[in-house]
Amino acid sequence: VFLDSHCEVNQEWLQPLLERIKEKPERVVCPIIDIIDLDTMKYVESPVCKGGVNWGLTFKWDYPPHTYFSQDHKNFIRPLKSATMAGGLFAIDRSYFFKIGTYDEGMDVWGAENVEISFR
């Protein structure tokens, strides 16, 4: 499990991620990233989103259409398939991580790992 140092986890956040990997070891799973307000230190729940990329290969967050949730209310707790992910917070089977090549040690700048690890 990888978590950037600025991340703070919520209760029972890890179990659903590990369950998905146990079902299929080739899965890479990411938690929803909630926010702690910089000024007030208030906890703010984030909307459901998934990773995306623009034509400039810059990572961005995409939000599923409202119809995704209105079709089946269980979709709030089901995983969303995504071709891209945040590169600093995810869970992956250790063997699979080494099989796909781990992090690129030549990348010294923050941000590129989002796209780079997604391509693997």
PDB file of N, CA and C in Angstrom:
ATOM      1  N   VAL A   1       0.859  -1.174   0.000  1.00  0.00           N
ATOM      2  CA  VAL A   1       0.000   0.000   0.000  1.00  0.00           C
ATOM      3  C   VAL A   1       0.900   1.231   0.000  1.00  0.00           C
ATOM      4  N   PHE A   2       0.616   2.156  -0.896  1.00  0.00           N
ATOM      5  CA  PHE A   2       1.355   3.410  -0.984  1.00  0.00           C
ATOM      6  C   PHE A   2       0.429   4.544  -0.580  1.00  0.00           C
ATOM      7  N   LEU A   3       0.933   5.427   0.264  1.00  0.00           N
ATOM      8  CA  LEU A   3       0.175   6.598   0.702  1.00  0.00           C
ATOM      9  C   LEU A   3       1.129   7.776   0.832  1.00  0.00           C
ATOM     10  N   ASP A   4       0.863   8.837   0.094  1.00  0.00           N
ATOM     11  CA  ASP A   4       1.667  10.048   0.250  1.00  0.00           C
ATOM     12  C   ASP A   4       1.613  10.508   1.702  1.00  0.00           C
ATOM     13  N   SER A   5       2.647  11.202   2.140  1.00  0.00           N
ATOM     14  CA  SER A   5       2.751  11.606   3.543  1.00  0.00           C
ATOM     15  C   SER A   5       1.677  12.595   3.971  1.00  0.00           C
ATOM     16  N   HIS A   6       1.058  13.291   3.039  1.00  0.00           N
ATOM     17  CA  HIS A   6       0.028  14.271   3.397  1.00  0.00           C
ATOM     18  C   HIS A   6      -1.358  13.641   3.512  1.00  0.00           C
ATOM     19  N   CYS A   7      -1.468  12.342   3.280  1.00  0.00           N
ATOM     20  CA  CYS A   7      -2.774  11.669   3.320  1.00  0.00           C
ATOM     21  C   CYS A   7      -3.136  11.257   4.739  1.00  0.00           C
ATOM     22  N   GLU A   8      -4.400  11.368   5.043  1.00  0.00           N
ATOM     23  CA  GLU A   8      -4.931  10.895   6.319  1.00  0.00           C
ATOM     24  C   GLU A   8      -6.077   9.950   5.996  1.00  0.00           C
ATOM     25  N   VAL A   9      -6.058   8.782   6.604  1.00  0.00           N
ATOM     26  CA  VAL A   9      -7.064   7.776   6.272  1.00  0.00           C
ATOM     27  C   VAL A   9      -8.269   7.871   7.192  1.00  0.00           C
ATOM     28  N   ASN A  10      -9.354   7.285   6.747  1.00  0.00           N
ATOM     29  CA  ASN A  10     -10.590   7.242   7.502  1.00  0.00           C
ATOM     30  C   ASN A  10     -10.760   5.837   8.072  1.00  0.00           C
ATOM     31  N   GLN A  11     -11.810   5.625   8.820  1.00  0.00           N
ATOM     32  CA  GLN A  11     -12.062   4.317   9.417  1.00  0.00           C
ATOM     33  C   GLN A  11     -12.382   3.296   8.333  1.00  0.00           C
ATOM     34  N   GLU A  12     -11.827   2.111   8.492  1.00  0.00           N
ATOM     35  CA  GLU A  12     -12.100   0.962   7.625  1.00  0.00           C
ATOM     36  C   GLU A  12     -11.879   1.262   6.146  1.00  0.00           C
ATOM     37  N   TRP A  13     -10.879   2.046   5.841  1.00  0.00           N
ATOM     38  CA  TRP A  13     -10.587   2.405   4.448  1.00  0.00           C
ATOM     39  C   TRP A  13      -9.805   1.317   3.720  1.00  0.00           C
ATOM     40  N   LEU A  14      -9.035   0.527   4.454  1.00  0.00           N
ATOM     41  CA  LEU A  14      -8.122  -0.427   3.831  1.00  0.00           C
ATOM     42  C   LEU A  14      -8.790  -1.735   3.406  1.00  0.00           C
ATOM     43  N   GLN A  15      -9.726  -2.223   4.197  1.00  0.00           N
ATOM     44  CA  GLN A  15     -10.320  -3.533   3.938  1.00  0.00           C
ATOM     45  C   GLN A  15     -10.928  -3.667   2.544  1.00  0.00           C
ATOM     46  N   PRO A  16     -11.710  -2.693   2.061  1.00  0.00           N
ATOM     47  CA  PRO A  16     -12.276  -2.839   0.707  1.00  0.00           C
ATOM     48  C   PRO A  16     -11.204  -2.898  -0.387  1.00  0.00           C
ATOM     49  N   LEU A  17     -10.108  -2.180  -0.195  1.00  0.00           N
ATOM     50  CA  LEU A  17      -9.037  -2.212  -1.187  1.00  0.00           C
ATOM     51  C   LEU A  17      -8.388  -3.590  -1.237  1.00  0.00           C
ATOM     52  N   LEU A  18      -8.080  -4.125  -0.069  1.00  0.00           N
ATOM     53  CA  LEU A  18      -7.440  -5.441  -0.015  1.00  0.00           C
ATOM     54  C   LEU A  18      -8.362  -6.544  -0.521  1.00  0.00           C
ATOM     55  N   GLU A  19      -9.645  -6.392  -0.275  1.00  0.00           N
ATOM     56  CA  GLU A  19     -10.617  -7.375  -0.765  1.00  0.00           C
ATOM     57  C   GLU A  19     -10.598  -7.439  -2.292  1.00  0.00           C
ATOM     58  N   ARG A  20     -10.530  -6.301  -2.948  1.00  0.00           N
ATOM     59  CA  ARG A  20     -10.494  -6.271  -4.419  1.00  0.00           C
ATOM     60  C   ARG A  20      -9.232  -6.936  -4.953  1.00  0.00           C
ATOM     61  N   ILE A  21      -8.112  -6.717  -4.293  1.00  0.00           N
ATOM     62  CA  ILE A  21      -6.855  -7.334  -4.726  1.00  0.00           C
ATOM     63  C   ILE A  21      -6.892  -8.837  -4.487  1.00  0.00           C
ATOM     64  N   LYS A  22      -7.479  -9.256  -3.382  1.00  0.00           N
ATOM     65  CA  LYS A  22      -7.597 -10.691  -3.101  1.00  0.00           C
ATOM     66  C   LYS A  22      -8.425 -11.377  -4.190  1.00  0.00           C
ATOM     67  N   GLU A  23      -9.482 -10.703  -4.662  1.00  0.00           N
ATOM     68  CA  GLU A  23     -10.325 -11.258  -5.726  1.00  0.00           C
ATOM     69  C   GLU A  23      -9.547 -11.413  -7.028  1.00  0.00           C
ATOM     70  N   LYS A  24      -8.686 -10.449  -7.312  1.00  0.00           N
ATOM     71  CA  LYS A  24      -7.917 -10.458  -8.566  1.00  0.00           C
ATOM     72  C   LYS A  24      -6.585  -9.747  -8.321  1.00  0.00           C
ATOM     73  N   PRO A  25      -5.493 -10.505  -8.139  1.00  0.00           N
ATOM     74  CA  PRO A  25      -4.198  -9.912  -7.791  1.00  0.00           C
ATOM     75  C   PRO A  25      -3.638  -8.919  -8.810  1.00  0.00           C
ATOM     76  N   GLU A  26      -4.153  -8.905 -10.034  1.00  0.00           N
ATOM     77  CA  GLU A  26      -3.675  -7.957 -11.043  1.00  0.00           C
ATOM     78  C   GLU A  26      -4.395  -6.612 -10.969  1.00  0.00           C
ATOM     79  N   ARG A  27      -5.221  -6.437  -9.974  1.00  0.00           N
ATOM     80  CA  ARG A  27      -5.907  -5.156  -9.808  1.00  0.00           C
ATOM     81  C   ARG A  27      -5.017  -4.181  -9.054  1.00  0.00           C
ATOM     82  N   VAL A  28      -5.140  -2.932  -9.433  1.00  0.00           N
ATOM     83  CA  VAL A  28      -4.537  -1.839  -8.677  1.00  0.00           C
ATOM     84  C   VAL A  28      -5.709  -0.984  -8.222  1.00  0.00           C
ATOM     85  N   VAL A  29      -5.830  -0.766  -6.934  1.00  0.00           N
ATOM     86  CA  VAL A  29      -7.006  -0.073  -6.407  1.00  0.00           C
ATOM     87  C   VAL A  29      -6.599   1.186  -5.647  1.00  0.00           C
ATOM     88  N   CYS A  30      -7.460   2.191  -5.758  1.00  0.00           N
ATOM     89  CA  CYS A  30      -7.193   3.493  -5.139  1.00  0.00           C
ATOM     90  C   CYS A  30      -8.362   3.890  -4.249  1.00  0.00           C
ATOM     91  N   PRO A  31      -8.078   4.491  -3.105  1.00  0.00           N
ATOM     92  CA  PRO A  31      -9.158   4.975  -2.248  1.00  0.00           C
ATOM     93  C   PRO A  31      -9.682   6.319  -2.736  1.00  0.00           C
ATOM     94  N   ILE A  32     -10.853   6.682  -2.269  1.00  0.00           N
ATOM     95  CA  ILE A  32     -11.343   8.044  -2.474  1.00  0.00           C
ATOM     96  C   ILE A  32     -10.547   8.948  -1.541  1.00  0.00           C
ATOM     97  N   ILE A  33     -10.167  10.097  -2.030  1.00  0.00           N
ATOM     98  CA  ILE A  33      -9.322  11.005  -1.263  1.00  0.00           C
ATOM     99  C   ILE A  33     -10.184  12.109  -0.666  1.00  0.00           C
ATOM    100  N   ASP A  34     -10.451  12.021   0.617  1.00  0.00           N
ATOM    101  CA  ASP A  34     -11.183  13.085   1.292  1.00  0.00           C
ATOM    102  C   ASP A  34     -10.216  14.221   1.626  1.00  0.00           C
ATOM    103  N   ILE A  35     -10.760  15.319   2.099  1.00  0.00           N
ATOM    104  CA  ILE A  35      -9.970  16.540   2.273  1.00  0.00           C
ATOM    105  C   ILE A  35     -10.056  17.037   3.716  1.00  0.00           C
ATOM    106  N   ILE A  36      -8.972  17.567   4.213  1.00  0.00           N
ATOM    107  CA  ILE A  36      -8.976  18.322   5.464  1.00  0.00           C
ATOM    108  C   ILE A  36      -8.682  19.762   5.070  1.00  0.00           C
ATOM    109  N   ASP A  37      -9.633  20.649   5.341  1.00  0.00           N
ATOM    110  CA  ASP A  37      -9.526  22.045   4.924  1.00  0.00           C
ATOM    111  C   ASP A  37      -8.282  22.690   5.524  1.00  0.00           C
ATOM    112  N   LEU A  38      -7.518  23.315   4.682  1.00  0.00           N
ATOM    113  CA  LEU A  38      -6.258  23.944   5.062  1.00  0.00           C
ATOM    114  C   LEU A  38      -6.425  25.016   6.132  1.00  0.00           C
ATOM    115  N   ASP A  39      -7.507  25.780   6.061  1.00  0.00           N
ATOM    116  CA  ASP A  39      -7.697  26.901   6.979  1.00  0.00           C
ATOM    117  C   ASP A  39      -8.430  26.527   8.260  1.00  0.00           C
ATOM    118  N   THR A  40      -9.419  25.632   8.147  1.00  0.00           N
ATOM    119  CA  THR A  40     -10.259  25.322   9.304  1.00  0.00           C
ATOM    120  C   THR A  40      -9.967  23.963   9.932  1.00  0.00           C
ATOM    121  N   MET A  41      -9.195  23.132   9.235  1.00  0.00           N
ATOM    122  CA  MET A  41      -8.910  21.754   9.656  1.00  0.00           C
ATOM    123  C   MET A  41     -10.183  20.903   9.704  1.00  0.00           C
ATOM    124  N   LYS A  42     -11.223  21.358   9.026  1.00  0.00           N
ATOM    125  CA  LYS A  42     -12.485  20.628   8.976  1.00  0.00           C
ATOM    126  C   LYS A  42     -12.387  19.503   7.947  1.00  0.00           C
ATOM    127  N   TYR A  43     -12.924  18.346   8.306  1.00  0.00           N
ATOM    128  CA  TYR A  43     -12.972  17.200   7.396  1.00  0.00           C
ATOM    129  C   TYR A  43     -14.046  17.436   6.342  1.00  0.00           C
ATOM    130  N   VAL A  44     -13.694  17.229   5.078  1.00  0.00           N
ATOM    131  CA  VAL A  44     -14.627  17.419   3.969  1.00  0.00           C
ATOM    132  C   VAL A  44     -14.641  16.147   3.128  1.00  0.00           C
ATOM    133  N   GLU A  45     -15.813  15.553   2.983  1.00  0.00           N
ATOM    134  CA  GLU A  45     -15.952  14.344   2.175  1.00  0.00           C
ATOM    135  C   GLU A  45     -15.851  14.700   0.697  1.00  0.00           C
ATOM    136  N   SER A  46     -15.060  13.951  -0.032  1.00  0.00           N
ATOM    137  CA  SER A  46     -14.899  14.199  -1.467  1.00  0.00           C
ATOM    138  C   SER A  46     -15.979  13.489  -2.265  1.00  0.00           C
ATOM    139  N   PRO A  47     -16.303  14.026  -3.433  1.00  0.00           N
ATOM    140  CA  PRO A  47     -17.242  13.319  -4.304  1.00  0.00           C
ATOM    141  C   PRO A  47     -16.568  12.091  -4.905  1.00  0.00           C
ATOM    142  N   VAL A  48     -17.360  11.158  -5.379  1.00  0.00           N
ATOM    143  CA  VAL A  48     -16.824   9.973  -6.039  1.00  0.00           C
ATOM    144  C   VAL A  48     -16.210  10.413  -7.366  1.00  0.00           C
ATOM    145  N   CYS A  49     -14.966  10.019  -7.596  1.00  0.00           N
ATOM    146  CA  CYS A  49     -14.294  10.393  -8.835  1.00  0.00           C
ATOM    147  C   CYS A  49     -13.314   9.300  -9.227  1.00  0.00           C
ATOM    148  N   LYS A  50     -12.774   9.430 -10.425  1.00  0.00           N
ATOM    149  CA  LYS A  50     -11.756   8.492 -10.886  1.00  0.00           C
ATOM    150  C   LYS A  50     -10.711   9.269 -11.664  1.00  0.00           C
ATOM    151  N   GLY A  51      -9.557   8.660 -11.836  1.00  0.00           N
ATOM    152  CA  GLY A  51      -8.479   9.314 -12.541  1.00  0.00           C
ATOM    153  C   GLY A  51      -8.757   9.457 -14.021  1.00  0.00           C
ATOM    154  N   GLY A  52      -8.213  10.520 -14.585  1.00  0.00           N
ATOM    155  CA  GLY A  52      -8.316  10.760 -16.017  1.00  0.00           C
ATOM    156  C   GLY A  52      -7.056  11.446 -16.497  1.00  0.00           C
ATOM    157  N   VAL A  53      -6.991  11.701 -17.775  1.00  0.00           N
ATOM    158  CA  VAL A  53      -5.841  12.374 -18.357  1.00  0.00           C
ATOM    159  C   VAL A  53      -6.339  13.225 -19.520  1.00  0.00           C
ATOM    160  N   ASN A  54      -5.746  14.408 -19.677  1.00  0.00           N
ATOM    161  CA  ASN A  54      -6.155  15.252 -20.802  1.00  0.00           C
ATOM    162  C   ASN A  54      -5.223  15.002 -21.989  1.00  0.00           C
ATOM    163  N   TRP A  55      -5.447  15.721 -23.087  1.00  0.00           N
ATOM    164  CA  TRP A  55      -4.652  15.505 -24.297  1.00  0.00           C
ATOM    165  C   TRP A  55      -3.191  15.893 -24.104  1.00  0.00           C
ATOM    166  N   GLY A  56      -2.887  16.688 -23.098  1.00  0.00           N
ATOM    167  CA  GLY A  56      -1.508  17.045 -22.783  1.00  0.00           C
ATOM    168  C   GLY A  56      -0.848  16.042 -21.848  1.00  0.00           C
ATOM    169  N   LEU A  57      -1.519  14.918 -21.602  1.00  0.00           N
ATOM    170  CA  LEU A  57      -1.060  13.865 -20.691  1.00  0.00           C
ATOM    171  C   LEU A  57      -0.893  14.359 -19.260  1.00  0.00           C
ATOM    172  N   THR A  58      -1.717  15.303 -18.865  1.00  0.00           N
ATOM    173  CA  THR A  58      -1.745  15.784 -17.490  1.00  0.00           C
ATOM    174  C   THR A  58      -2.857  15.055 -16.753  1.00  0.00           C
ATOM    175  N   PHE A  59      -2.542  14.550 -15.578  1.00  0.00           N
ATOM    176  CA  PHE A  59      -3.525  13.831 -14.773  1.00  0.00           C
ATOM    177  C   PHE A  59      -4.619  14.781 -14.319  1.00  0.00           C
ATOM    178  N   LYS A  60      -5.849  14.282 -14.263  1.00  0.00           N
ATOM    179  CA  LYS A  60      -6.980  15.073 -13.770  1.00  0.00           C
ATOM    180  C   LYS A  60      -7.997  14.124 -13.150  1.00  0.00           C
ATOM    181  N   TRP A  61      -8.937  14.679 -12.423  1.00  0.00           N
ATOM    182  CA  TRP A  61     -10.019  13.889 -11.851  1.00  0.00           C
ATOM    183  C   TRP A  61     -11.242  13.986 -12.747  1.00  0.00           C
ATOM    184  N   ASP A  62     -11.871  12.857 -13.001  1.00  0.00           N
ATOM    185  CA  ASP A  62     -13.122  12.791 -13.755  1.00  0.00           C
ATOM    186  C   ASP A  62     -14.226  12.332 -12.817  1.00  0.00           C
ATOM    187  N   TYR A  63     -15.421  12.805 -13.073  1.00  0.00           N
ATOM    188  CA  TYR A  63     -16.562  12.472 -12.227  1.00  0.00           C
ATOM    189  C   TYR A  63     -17.583  11.695 -13.045  1.00  0.00           C
ATOM    190  N   PRO A  64     -18.053  10.568 -12.526  1.00  0.00           N
ATOM    191  CA  PRO A  64     -19.039   9.792 -13.283  1.00  0.00           C
ATOM    192  C   PRO A  64     -20.334  10.578 -13.435  1.00  0.00           C
ATOM    193  N   PRO A  65     -21.080  10.314 -14.504  1.00  0.00           N
ATOM    194  CA  PRO A  65     -22.354  11.018 -14.685  1.00  0.00           C
ATOM    195  C   PRO A  65     -23.334  10.654 -13.574  1.00  0.00           C
ATOM    196  N   HIS A  66     -24.240  11.563 -13.265  1.00  0.00           N
ATOM    197  CA  HIS A  66     -25.220  11.312 -12.200  1.00  0.00           C
ATOM    198  C   HIS A  66     -26.041  10.060 -12.480  1.00  0.00           C
ATOM    199  N   THR A  67     -26.210   9.720 -13.753  1.00  0.00           N
ATOM    200  CA  THR A  67     -26.990   8.529 -14.104  1.00  0.00           C
ATOM    201  C   THR A  67     -26.333   7.255 -13.596  1.00  0.00           C
ATOM    202  N   TYR A  68     -25.021   7.271 -13.417  1.00  0.00           N
ATOM    203  CA  TYR A  68     -24.320   6.096 -12.888  1.00  0.00           C
ATOM    204  C   TYR A  68     -24.874   5.714 -11.519  1.00  0.00           C
ATOM    205  N   PHE A  69     -25.190   6.715 -10.716  1.00  0.00           N
ATOM    206  CA  PHE A  69     -25.674   6.465  -9.365  1.00  0.00           C
ATOM    207  C   PHE A  69     -27.180   6.262  -9.314  1.00  0.00           C
ATOM    208  N   SER A  70     -27.910   6.903 -10.211  1.00  0.00           N
ATOM    209  CA  SER A  70     -29.368   6.782 -10.175  1.00  0.00           C
ATOM    210  C   SER A  70     -29.848   5.438 -10.709  1.00  0.00           C
ATOM    211  N   GLN A  71     -29.043   4.769 -11.527  1.00  0.00           N
ATOM    212  CA  GLN A  71     -29.431   3.470 -12.065  1.00  0.00           C
ATOM    213  C   GLN A  71     -29.445   2.400 -10.982  1.00  0.00           C
ATOM    214  N   ASP A  72     -28.515   2.479 -10.072  1.00  0.00           N
ATOM    215  CA  ASP A  72     -28.417   1.488  -9.006  1.00  0.00           C
ATOM    216  C   ASP A  72     -27.721   2.150  -7.815  1.00  0.00           C
ATOM    217  N   HIS A  73     -28.431   2.263  -6.712  1.00  0.00           N
ATOM    218  CA  HIS A  73     -27.862   2.947  -5.539  1.00  0.00           C
ATOM    219  C   HIS A  73     -26.649   2.223  -4.968  1.00  0.00           C
ATOM    220  N   LYS A  74     -26.468   0.947  -5.275  1.00  0.00           N
ATOM    221  CA  LYS A  74     -25.281   0.229  -4.812  1.00  0.00           C
ATOM    222  C   LYS A  74     -24.023   0.718  -5.519  1.00  0.00           C
ATOM    223  N   ASN A  75     -24.178   1.463  -6.606  1.00  0.00           N
ATOM    224  CA  ASN A  75     -23.013   1.972  -7.325  1.00  0.00           C
ATOM    225  C   ASN A  75     -22.187   2.938  -6.487  1.00  0.00           C
ATOM    226  N   PHE A  76     -22.758   3.477  -5.394  1.00  0.00           N
ATOM    227  CA  PHE A  76     -21.984   4.355  -4.516  1.00  0.00           C
ATOM    228  C   PHE A  76     -20.841   3.608  -3.841  1.00  0.00           C
ATOM    229  N   ILE A  77     -20.978   2.300  -3.692  1.00  0.00           N
ATOM    230  CA  ILE A  77     -19.930   1.543  -3.014  1.00  0.00           C
ATOM    231  C   ILE A  77     -19.180   0.604  -3.951  1.00  0.00           C
ATOM    232  N   ARG A  78     -19.580   0.540  -5.199  1.00  0.00           N
ATOM    233  CA  ARG A  78     -18.882  -0.314  -6.161  1.00  0.00           C
ATOM    234  C   ARG A  78     -17.670   0.425  -6.729  1.00  0.00           C
ATOM    235  N   PRO A  79     -16.639  -0.341  -7.083  1.00  0.00           N
ATOM    236  CA  PRO A  79     -15.464   0.291  -7.699  1.00  0.00           C
ATOM    237  C   PRO A  79     -15.793   0.874  -9.069  1.00  0.00           C
ATOM    238  N   LEU A  80     -15.063   1.902  -9.435  1.00  0.00           N
ATOM    239  CA  LEU A  80     -15.152   2.493 -10.773  1.00  0.00           C
ATOM    240  C   LEU A  80     -13.919   2.071 -11.563  1.00  0.00           C
ATOM    241  N   LYS A  81     -14.107   1.578 -12.758  1.00  0.00           N
ATOM    242  CA  LYS A  81     -12.957   1.251 -13.598  1.00  0.00           C
ATOM    243  C   LYS A  81     -12.347   2.546 -14.108  1.00  0.00           C
ATOM    244  N   SER A  82     -11.024   2.567 -14.151  1.00  0.00           N
ATOM    245  CA  SER A  82     -10.317   3.761 -14.592  1.00  0.00           C
ATOM    246  C   SER A  82      -8.991   3.354 -15.219  1.00  0.00           C
ATOM    247  N   ALA A  83      -8.626   4.018 -16.291  1.00  0.00           N
ATOM    248  CA  ALA A  83      -7.347   3.734 -16.939  1.00  0.00           C
ATOM    249  C   ALA A  83      -6.190   4.464 -16.264  1.00  0.00           C
ATOM    250  N   THR A  84      -6.495   5.471 -15.464  1.00  0.00           N
ATOM    251  CA  THR A  84      -5.446   6.227 -14.785  1.00  0.00           C
ATOM    252  C   THR A  84      -5.749   6.334 -13.298  1.00  0.00           C
ATOM    253  N   MET A  85      -4.727   6.696 -12.544  1.00  0.00           N
ATOM    254  CA  MET A  85      -4.881   6.746 -11.092  1.00  0.00           C
ATOM    255  C   MET A  85      -3.883   7.727 -10.501  1.00  0.00           C
ATOM    256  N   ALA A  86      -4.131   8.098  -9.273  1.00  0.00           N
ATOM    257  CA  ALA A  86      -3.153   8.889  -8.530  1.00  0.00           C
ATOM    258  C   ALA A  86      -1.945   7.992  -8.260  1.00  0.00           C
ATOM    259  N   GLY A  87      -0.760   8.504  -8.450  1.00  0.00           N
ATOM    260  CA  GLY A  87       0.435   7.679  -8.325  1.00  0.00           C
ATOM    261  C   GLY A  87       0.985   7.547  -6.922  1.00  0.00           C
ATOM    262  N   GLY A  88       0.418   8.247  -5.961  1.00  0.00           N
ATOM    263  CA  GLY A  88       0.970   8.228  -4.618  1.00  0.00           C
ATOM    264  C   GLY A  88       0.062   7.636  -3.572  1.00  0.00           C
ATOM    265  N   LEU A  89      -1.049   7.071  -3.977  1.00  0.00           N
ATOM    266  CA  LEU A  89      -1.925   6.421  -3.006  1.00  0.00           C
ATOM    267  C   LEU A  89      -2.725   5.330  -3.704  1.00  0.00           C
ATOM    268  N   PHE A  90      -2.266   4.126  -3.482  1.00  0.00           N
ATOM    269  CA  PHE A  90      -2.933   2.978  -4.079  1.00  0.00           C
ATOM    270  C   PHE A  90      -2.478   1.712  -3.379  1.00  0.00           C
ATOM    271  N   ALA A  91      -3.214   0.649  -3.619  1.00  0.00           N
ATOM    272  CA  ALA A  91      -2.862  -0.671  -3.096  1.00  0.00           C
ATOM    273  C   ALA A  91      -2.659  -1.600  -4.282  1.00  0.00           C
ATOM    274  N   ILE A  92      -1.650  -2.448  -4.176  1.00  0.00           N
ATOM    275  CA  ILE A  92      -1.298  -3.354  -5.264  1.00  0.00           C
ATOM    276  C   ILE A  92      -0.647  -4.593  -4.667  1.00  0.00           C
ATOM    277  N   ASP A  93      -0.847  -5.725  -5.286  1.00  0.00           N
ATOM    278  CA  ASP A  93      -0.161  -6.947  -4.880  1.00  0.00           C
ATOM    279  C   ASP A  93       1.343  -6.747  -5.102  1.00  0.00           C
ATOM    280  N   ARG A  94       2.144  -7.089  -4.121  1.00  0.00           N
ATOM    281  CA  ARG A  94       3.590  -6.851  -4.194  1.00  0.00           C
ATOM    282  C   ARG A  94       4.223  -7.510  -5.421  1.00  0.00           C
ATOM    283  N   SER A  95       3.880  -8.760  -5.669  1.00  0.00           N
ATOM    284  CA  SER A  95       4.450  -9.470  -6.823  1.00  0.00           C
ATOM    285  C   SER A  95       4.063  -8.791  -8.132  1.00  0.00           C
ATOM    286  N   TYR A  96       2.816  -8.355  -8.221  1.00  0.00           N
ATOM    287  CA  TYR A  96       2.358  -7.690  -9.438  1.00  0.00           C
ATOM    288  C   TYR A  96       3.056  -6.343  -9.622  1.00  0.00           C
ATOM    289  N   PHE A  97       3.295  -5.636  -8.530  1.00  0.00           N
ATOM    290  CA  PHE A  97       3.994  -4.349  -8.601  1.00  0.00           C
ATOM    291  C   PHE A  97       5.387  -4.529  -9.194  1.00  0.00           C
ATOM    292  N   PHE A  98       6.096  -5.564  -8.751  1.00  0.00           N
ATOM    293  CA  PHE A  98       7.427  -5.813  -9.300  1.00  0.00           C
ATOM    294  C   PHE A  98       7.349  -6.322 -10.735  1.00  0.00           C
ATOM    295  N   LYS A  99       6.316  -7.064 -11.054  1.00  0.00           N
ATOM    296  CA  LYS A  99       6.139  -7.574 -12.418  1.00  0.00           C
ATOM    297  C   LYS A  99       5.959  -6.435 -13.426  1.00  0.00           C
ATOM    298  N   ILE A 100       5.213  -5.388 -13.053  1.00  0.00           N
ATOM    299  CA  ILE A 100       4.980  -4.277 -13.989  1.00  0.00           C
ATOM    300  C   ILE A 100       6.117  -3.250 -13.986  1.00  0.00           C
ATOM    301  N   GLY A 101       7.064  -3.400 -13.080  1.00  0.00           N
ATOM    302  CA  GLY A 101       8.248  -2.546 -13.139  1.00  0.00           C
ATOM    303  C   GLY A 101       8.412  -1.508 -12.051  1.00  0.00           C
ATOM    304  N   THR A 102       7.594  -1.491 -11.028  1.00  0.00           N
ATOM    305  CA  THR A 102       7.672  -0.543  -9.908  1.00  0.00           C
ATOM    306  C   THR A 102       7.690   0.911 -10.395  1.00  0.00           C
ATOM    307  N   TYR A 103       8.090   1.805  -9.502  1.00  0.00           N
ATOM    308  CA  TYR A 103       8.215   3.221  -9.868  1.00  0.00           C
ATOM    309  C   TYR A 103       9.472   3.422 -10.723  1.00  0.00           C
ATOM    310  N   ASP A 104       9.423   4.384 -11.610  1.00  0.00           N
ATOM    311  CA  ASP A 104      10.584   4.755 -12.409  1.00  0.00           C
ATOM    312  C   ASP A 104      11.505   5.590 -11.515  1.00  0.00           C
ATOM    313  N   GLU A 105      12.670   5.055 -11.181  1.00  0.00           N
ATOM    314  CA  GLU A 105      13.590   5.738 -10.270  1.00  0.00           C
ATOM    315  C   GLU A 105      14.202   6.998 -10.872  1.00  0.00           C
ATOM    316  N   GLY A 106      14.070   7.179 -12.178  1.00  0.00           N
ATOM    317  CA  GLY A 106      14.616   8.366 -12.827  1.00  0.00           C
ATOM    318  C   GLY A 106      13.707   9.580 -12.737  1.00  0.00           C
ATOM    319  N   MET A 107      12.501   9.394 -12.226  1.00  0.00           N
ATOM    320  CA  MET A 107      11.570  10.523 -12.103  1.00  0.00           C
ATOM    321  C   MET A 107      11.794  11.215 -10.771  1.00  0.00           C
ATOM    322  N   ASP A 108      12.261  12.449 -10.844  1.00  0.00           N
ATOM    323  CA  ASP A 108      12.567  13.205  -9.630  1.00  0.00           C
ATOM    324  C   ASP A 108      11.542  14.281  -9.321  1.00  0.00           C
ATOM    325  N   VAL A 109      10.614  14.533 -10.228  1.00  0.00           N
ATOM    326  CA  VAL A 109       9.660  15.621 -10.081  1.00  0.00           C
ATOM    327  C   VAL A 109       8.290  15.062  -9.738  1.00  0.00           C
ATOM    328  N   TRP A 110       7.592  15.718  -8.824  1.00  0.00           N
ATOM    329  CA  TRP A 110       6.261  15.300  -8.421  1.00  0.00           C
ATOM    330  C   TRP A 110       5.286  15.457  -9.582  1.00  0.00           C
ATOM    331  N   GLY A 111       4.363  14.516  -9.697  1.00  0.00           N
ATOM    332  CA  GLY A 111       3.263  14.638 -10.646  1.00  0.00           C
ATOM    333  C   GLY A 111       3.284  13.655 -11.793  1.00  0.00           C
ATOM    334  N   ALA A 112       4.429  13.342 -12.325  1.00  0.00           N
ATOM    335  CA  ALA A 112       4.492  12.456 -13.490  1.00  0.00           C
ATOM    336  C   ALA A 112       4.155  11.011 -13.137  1.00  0.00           C
ATOM    337  N   GLU A 113       4.319  10.639 -11.884  1.00  0.00           N
ATOM    338  CA  GLU A 113       4.049   9.247 -11.497  1.00  0.00           C
ATOM    339  C   GLU A 113       2.589   8.882 -11.699  1.00  0.00           C
ATOM    340  N   ASN A 114       1.692   9.864 -11.653  1.00  0.00           N
ATOM    341  CA  ASN A 114       0.271   9.591 -11.874  1.00  0.00           C
ATOM    342  C   ASN A 114       0.044   8.947 -13.233  1.00  0.00           C
ATOM    343  N   VAL A 115       0.630   9.525 -14.255  1.00  0.00           N
ATOM    344  CA  VAL A 115       0.451   9.016 -15.610  1.00  0.00           C
ATOM    345  C   VAL A 115       1.369   7.817 -15.848  1.00  0.00           C
ATOM    346  N   GLU A 116       2.613   7.907 -15.396  1.00  0.00           N
ATOM    347  CA  GLU A 116       3.597   6.854 -15.648  1.00  0.00           C
ATOM    348  C   GLU A 116       3.159   5.512 -15.072  1.00  0.00           C
ATOM    349  N   ILE A 117       2.734   5.475 -13.836  1.00  0.00           N
ATOM    350  CA  ILE A 117       2.340   4.202 -13.220  1.00  0.00           C
ATOM    351  C   ILE A 117       1.037   3.692 -13.835  1.00  0.00           C
ATOM    352  N   SER A 118       0.197   4.593 -14.301  1.00  0.00           N
ATOM    353  CA  SER A 118      -1.053   4.193 -14.952  1.00  0.00           C
ATOM    354  C   SER A 118      -0.786   3.473 -16.267  1.00  0.00           C
ATOM    355  N   PHE A 119       0.211   3.919 -17.012  1.00  0.00           N
ATOM    356  CA  PHE A 119       0.526   3.281 -18.289  1.00  0.00           C
ATOM    357  C   PHE A 119       1.036   1.861 -18.105  1.00  0.00           C
ATOM    358  N   ARG A 120       1.647   1.599 -16.982  1.00  0.00           N
ATOM    359  CA  ARG A 120       2.157   0.243 -16.749  1.00  0.00           C
ATOM    360  C   ARG A 120       1.000  -0.700 -16.565  1.00  0.00           C
TER     361      ARG A 120
END
